Amino acid sequence: MIATELATQAAAMLQQATLAAPEPKGINTEGIVTFFASNIAPILLAVLGVIFIGRASRGEISKVLTSSAIAIVGLAFIAGAATLFFVGDALIKLIFN
């Protein structure tokens, strides 16, 4: 009899603890992406600009043009990935709504 009362009380406490626990929150990926886009990306572009200006002042124009072309192609890939993300999101909403 004591065992059944203890088991009942333990089950009741476990149920209360489960109900009182808050739901886990997800990671705010939009905030992370916004932070990188507004703070990190301009700093990296400024560093690239300083490197390009330094090379150009030393007469390494061909290296500057090659590096600039690579940077532009990289930015185009990033823009394309972002575009595909939004297009995919729109397609999913279109299909499932």
N, C-alpha and C. Protein backbone atom coordinates (compact mmCIF):
# COMPACT_ATOMS: atom_id res chain seq x y z
N MET A 1 0.81 -1.18 0.00
CA MET A 1 0.00 0.00 0.00
C MET A 1 0.86 1.26 0.00
N ILE A 2 1.91 1.25 0.76
CA ILE A 2 2.81 2.39 0.79
C ILE A 2 3.51 2.53 -0.57
N ALA A 3 3.84 1.40 -1.17
CA ALA A 3 4.52 1.43 -2.46
C ALA A 3 3.63 2.03 -3.54
N THR A 4 2.35 1.70 -3.52
CA THR A 4 1.45 2.25 -4.54
C THR A 4 1.23 3.74 -4.32
N GLU A 5 1.19 4.19 -3.06
CA GLU A 5 1.05 5.62 -2.79
C GLU A 5 2.29 6.38 -3.25
N LEU A 6 3.48 5.81 -2.99
CA LEU A 6 4.72 6.44 -3.44
C LEU A 6 4.79 6.49 -4.97
N ALA A 7 4.37 5.42 -5.61
CA ALA A 7 4.39 5.40 -7.07
C ALA A 7 3.41 6.42 -7.64
N THR A 8 2.25 6.56 -7.01
CA THR A 8 1.27 7.54 -7.46
C THR A 8 1.79 8.96 -7.28
N GLN A 9 2.41 9.22 -6.11
CA GLN A 9 2.97 10.55 -5.86
C GLN A 9 4.12 10.86 -6.81
N ALA A 10 4.96 9.86 -7.08
CA ALA A 10 6.08 10.06 -8.01
C ALA A 10 5.57 10.35 -9.42
N ALA A 11 4.54 9.64 -9.84
CA ALA A 11 3.97 9.88 -11.16
C ALA A 11 3.35 11.27 -11.25
N ALA A 12 2.69 11.68 -10.17
CA ALA A 12 2.08 13.02 -10.16
C ALA A 12 3.15 14.10 -10.22
N MET A 13 4.24 13.92 -9.47
CA MET A 13 5.35 14.91 -9.49
C MET A 13 6.01 14.95 -10.86
N LEU A 14 6.18 13.79 -11.46
CA LEU A 14 6.80 13.73 -12.79
C LEU A 14 5.92 14.43 -13.81
N GLN A 15 4.62 14.24 -13.71
CA GLN A 15 3.69 14.89 -14.64
C GLN A 15 3.71 16.41 -14.45
N GLN A 16 3.77 16.88 -13.22
CA GLN A 16 3.84 18.32 -12.95
C GLN A 16 5.14 18.90 -13.48
N ALA A 17 6.24 18.18 -13.29
CA ALA A 17 7.53 18.67 -13.78
C ALA A 17 7.54 18.73 -15.29
N THR A 18 6.90 17.77 -15.94
CA THR A 18 6.85 17.75 -17.39
C THR A 18 5.98 18.89 -17.91
N LEU A 19 4.87 19.16 -17.25
CA LEU A 19 3.99 20.24 -17.69
C LEU A 19 4.60 21.61 -17.42
N ALA A 20 5.39 21.74 -16.35
CA ALA A 20 5.94 23.03 -15.99
C ALA A 20 7.17 23.39 -16.82
N ALA A 21 7.81 22.41 -17.43
CA ALA A 21 9.03 22.68 -18.20
C ALA A 21 8.68 23.45 -19.47
N PRO A 22 9.41 24.53 -19.75
CA PRO A 22 9.12 25.29 -20.97
C PRO A 22 9.58 24.53 -22.21
N GLU A 23 8.94 24.84 -23.31
CA GLU A 23 9.31 24.22 -24.57
C GLU A 23 10.68 24.72 -25.00
N PRO A 24 11.52 23.85 -25.57
CA PRO A 24 12.83 24.33 -26.02
C PRO A 24 12.67 25.26 -27.22
N LYS A 25 13.49 26.28 -27.25
CA LYS A 25 13.43 27.24 -28.35
C LYS A 25 14.48 26.88 -29.38
N GLY A 26 14.19 27.18 -30.64
CA GLY A 26 15.14 26.92 -31.72
C GLY A 26 16.19 28.03 -31.79
N ILE A 27 17.17 27.81 -32.61
CA ILE A 27 18.23 28.80 -32.81
C ILE A 27 17.72 29.86 -33.76
N ASN A 28 17.97 31.11 -33.43
CA ASN A 28 17.52 32.22 -34.27
C ASN A 28 18.49 32.38 -35.43
N THR A 29 18.27 31.62 -36.50
CA THR A 29 19.20 31.68 -37.64
C THR A 29 19.06 32.98 -38.41
N GLU A 30 17.88 33.57 -38.39
CA GLU A 30 17.72 34.84 -39.10
C GLU A 30 18.57 35.92 -38.44
N GLY A 31 18.63 35.91 -37.12
CA GLY A 31 19.47 36.88 -36.41
C GLY A 31 20.94 36.68 -36.70
N ILE A 32 21.36 35.41 -36.80
CA ILE A 32 22.76 35.11 -37.10
C ILE A 32 23.11 35.58 -38.51
N VAL A 33 22.25 35.28 -39.47
CA VAL A 33 22.50 35.68 -40.86
C VAL A 33 22.52 37.20 -40.97
N THR A 34 21.61 37.87 -40.29
CA THR A 34 21.57 39.34 -40.32
C THR A 34 22.83 39.91 -39.70
N PHE A 35 23.30 39.31 -38.61
CA PHE A 35 24.53 39.78 -37.97
C PHE A 35 25.71 39.67 -38.92
N PHE A 36 25.87 38.50 -39.58
CA PHE A 36 26.98 38.33 -40.51
C PHE A 36 26.87 39.28 -41.69
N ALA A 37 25.65 39.45 -42.21
CA ALA A 37 25.47 40.31 -43.38
C ALA A 37 25.72 41.77 -43.05
N SER A 38 25.38 42.20 -41.84
CA SER A 38 25.52 43.62 -41.50
C SER A 38 26.85 43.96 -40.86
N ASN A 39 27.52 42.99 -40.22
CA ASN A 39 28.77 43.31 -39.51
C ASN A 39 30.00 42.65 -40.10
N ILE A 40 29.95 41.37 -40.37
CA ILE A 40 31.14 40.63 -40.79
C ILE A 40 31.46 40.85 -42.27
N ALA A 41 30.45 40.77 -43.13
CA ALA A 41 30.68 40.90 -44.58
C ALA A 41 31.31 42.24 -44.96
N PRO A 42 30.85 43.39 -44.44
CA PRO A 42 31.52 44.64 -44.81
C PRO A 42 32.98 44.71 -44.36
N ILE A 43 33.27 44.13 -43.21
CA ILE A 43 34.66 44.13 -42.73
C ILE A 43 35.53 43.29 -43.66
N LEU A 44 35.03 42.11 -44.06
CA LEU A 44 35.80 41.26 -44.98
C LEU A 44 35.99 41.93 -46.33
N LEU A 45 34.97 42.59 -46.83
CA LEU A 45 35.10 43.31 -48.10
C LEU A 45 36.10 44.46 -47.99
N ALA A 46 36.11 45.14 -46.86
CA ALA A 46 37.08 46.22 -46.66
C ALA A 46 38.51 45.67 -46.62
N VAL A 47 38.70 44.52 -45.98
CA VAL A 47 40.03 43.90 -45.94
C VAL A 47 40.47 43.51 -47.36
N LEU A 48 39.55 42.93 -48.13
CA LEU A 48 39.87 42.60 -49.52
C LEU A 48 40.24 43.85 -50.32
N GLY A 49 39.50 44.94 -50.10
CA GLY A 49 39.81 46.19 -50.80
C GLY A 49 41.19 46.71 -50.46
N VAL A 50 41.56 46.64 -49.19
CA VAL A 50 42.90 47.09 -48.79
C VAL A 50 43.98 46.22 -49.42
N ILE A 51 43.74 44.91 -49.45
CA ILE A 51 44.72 44.00 -50.09
C ILE A 51 44.84 44.32 -51.57
N PHE A 52 43.71 44.54 -52.24
CA PHE A 52 43.75 44.85 -53.68
C PHE A 52 44.47 46.16 -53.93
N ILE A 53 44.21 47.18 -53.14
CA ILE A 53 44.88 48.47 -53.32
C ILE A 53 46.38 48.34 -53.07
N GLY A 54 46.74 47.55 -52.06
CA GLY A 54 48.17 47.32 -51.79
C GLY A 54 48.87 46.64 -52.94
N ARG A 55 48.24 45.64 -53.51
CA ARG A 55 48.85 44.95 -54.66
C ARG A 55 48.91 45.86 -55.88
N ALA A 56 47.86 46.63 -56.09
CA ALA A 56 47.84 47.52 -57.26
C ALA A 56 48.92 48.58 -57.15
N SER A 57 49.18 49.05 -55.94
CA SER A 57 50.21 50.08 -55.78
C SER A 57 51.60 49.52 -56.02
N ARG A 58 51.77 48.20 -55.86
CA ARG A 58 53.06 47.57 -56.15
C ARG A 58 53.19 47.16 -57.60
N GLY A 59 52.18 47.40 -58.39
CA GLY A 59 52.25 47.09 -59.81
C GLY A 59 51.78 45.69 -60.18
N GLU A 60 51.12 45.00 -59.28
CA GLU A 60 50.64 43.65 -59.56
C GLU A 60 49.19 43.69 -60.04
N ILE A 61 48.99 44.39 -61.14
CA ILE A 61 47.64 44.62 -61.65
C ILE A 61 46.99 43.29 -62.07
N SER A 62 47.75 42.39 -62.67
CA SER A 62 47.16 41.13 -63.12
C SER A 62 46.64 40.31 -61.94
N LYS A 63 47.38 40.31 -60.84
CA LYS A 63 46.92 39.59 -59.65
C LYS A 63 45.68 40.25 -59.06
N VAL A 64 45.63 41.58 -59.11
CA VAL A 64 44.47 42.30 -58.60
C VAL A 64 43.24 41.97 -59.44
N LEU A 65 43.41 41.97 -60.76
CA LEU A 65 42.27 41.65 -61.64
C LEU A 65 41.80 40.22 -61.44
N THR A 66 42.75 39.28 -61.29
CA THR A 66 42.38 37.88 -61.05
C THR A 66 41.64 37.74 -59.73
N SER A 67 42.17 38.35 -58.67
CA SER A 67 41.53 38.28 -57.36
C SER A 67 40.16 38.94 -57.38
N SER A 68 40.06 40.06 -58.08
CA SER A 68 38.77 40.75 -58.17
C SER A 68 37.74 39.89 -58.90
N ALA A 69 38.17 39.24 -59.98
CA ALA A 69 37.25 38.36 -60.72
C ALA A 69 36.80 37.20 -59.85
N ILE A 70 37.72 36.63 -59.08
CA ILE A 70 37.36 35.52 -58.19
C ILE A 70 36.38 36.01 -57.13
N ALA A 71 36.60 37.19 -56.57
CA ALA A 71 35.69 37.74 -55.56
C ALA A 71 34.30 38.00 -56.15
N ILE A 72 34.25 38.51 -57.37
CA ILE A 72 32.96 38.79 -58.01
C ILE A 72 32.21 37.48 -58.29
N VAL A 73 32.92 36.46 -58.75
CA VAL A 73 32.29 35.16 -58.99
C VAL A 73 31.78 34.57 -57.67
N GLY A 74 32.56 34.71 -56.59
CA GLY A 74 32.12 34.23 -55.28
C GLY A 74 30.87 34.93 -54.80
N LEU A 75 30.82 36.25 -54.99
CA LEU A 75 29.62 37.00 -54.62
C LEU A 75 28.41 36.58 -55.46
N ALA A 76 28.66 36.27 -56.74
CA ALA A 76 27.56 35.81 -57.59
C ALA A 76 27.03 34.46 -57.11
N PHE A 77 27.93 33.57 -56.67
CA PHE A 77 27.48 32.28 -56.13
C PHE A 77 26.66 32.48 -54.85
N ILE A 78 27.10 33.37 -53.98
CA ILE A 78 26.37 33.64 -52.75
C ILE A 78 24.99 34.22 -53.07
N ALA A 79 24.93 35.16 -54.01
CA ALA A 79 23.64 35.73 -54.40
C ALA A 79 22.74 34.67 -55.03
N GLY A 80 23.31 33.80 -55.84
CA GLY A 80 22.53 32.72 -56.45
C GLY A 80 21.98 31.76 -55.40
N ALA A 81 22.78 31.45 -54.38
CA ALA A 81 22.31 30.56 -53.31
C ALA A 81 21.18 31.22 -52.54
N ALA A 82 21.29 32.51 -52.27
CA ALA A 82 20.22 33.22 -51.56
C ALA A 82 18.95 33.24 -52.40
N THR A 83 19.11 33.45 -53.70
CA THR A 83 17.95 33.47 -54.59
C THR A 83 17.27 32.10 -54.62
N LEU A 84 18.07 31.04 -54.71
CA LEU A 84 17.48 29.70 -54.71
C LEU A 84 16.78 29.39 -53.39
N PHE A 85 17.30 29.91 -52.29
CA PHE A 85 16.66 29.72 -50.99
C PHE A 85 15.26 30.32 -50.99
N PHE A 86 15.15 31.56 -51.49
CA PHE A 86 13.84 32.21 -51.51
C PHE A 86 12.91 31.59 -52.55
N VAL A 87 13.45 31.18 -53.69
CA VAL A 87 12.62 30.52 -54.70
C VAL A 87 12.11 29.18 -54.17
N GLY A 88 12.98 28.43 -53.49
CA GLY A 88 12.56 27.15 -52.90
C GLY A 88 11.50 27.35 -51.85
N ASP A 89 11.65 28.38 -51.03
CA ASP A 89 10.65 28.68 -50.01
C ASP A 89 9.31 29.02 -50.66
N ALA A 90 9.34 29.80 -51.72
CA ALA A 90 8.10 30.15 -52.42
C ALA A 90 7.46 28.91 -53.05
N LEU A 91 8.26 28.01 -53.61
CA LEU A 91 7.71 26.79 -54.20
C LEU A 91 7.08 25.89 -53.14
N ILE A 92 7.72 25.78 -51.98
CA ILE A 92 7.16 24.95 -50.91
C ILE A 92 5.83 25.53 -50.44
N LYS A 93 5.78 26.86 -50.28
CA LYS A 93 4.52 27.47 -49.86
C LYS A 93 3.44 27.29 -50.93
N LEU A 94 3.83 27.35 -52.20
CA LEU A 94 2.87 27.18 -53.28
C LEU A 94 2.32 25.75 -53.31
N ILE A 95 3.18 24.79 -53.10
CA ILE A 95 2.77 23.37 -53.17
C ILE A 95 1.93 22.98 -51.96
N PHE A 96 2.34 23.38 -50.76
CA PHE A 96 1.69 22.89 -49.56
C PHE A 96 0.60 23.79 -49.02
N ASN A 97 0.31 24.89 -49.68
CA ASN A 97 -0.78 25.75 -49.23
C ASN A 97 -1.95 25.67 -50.16
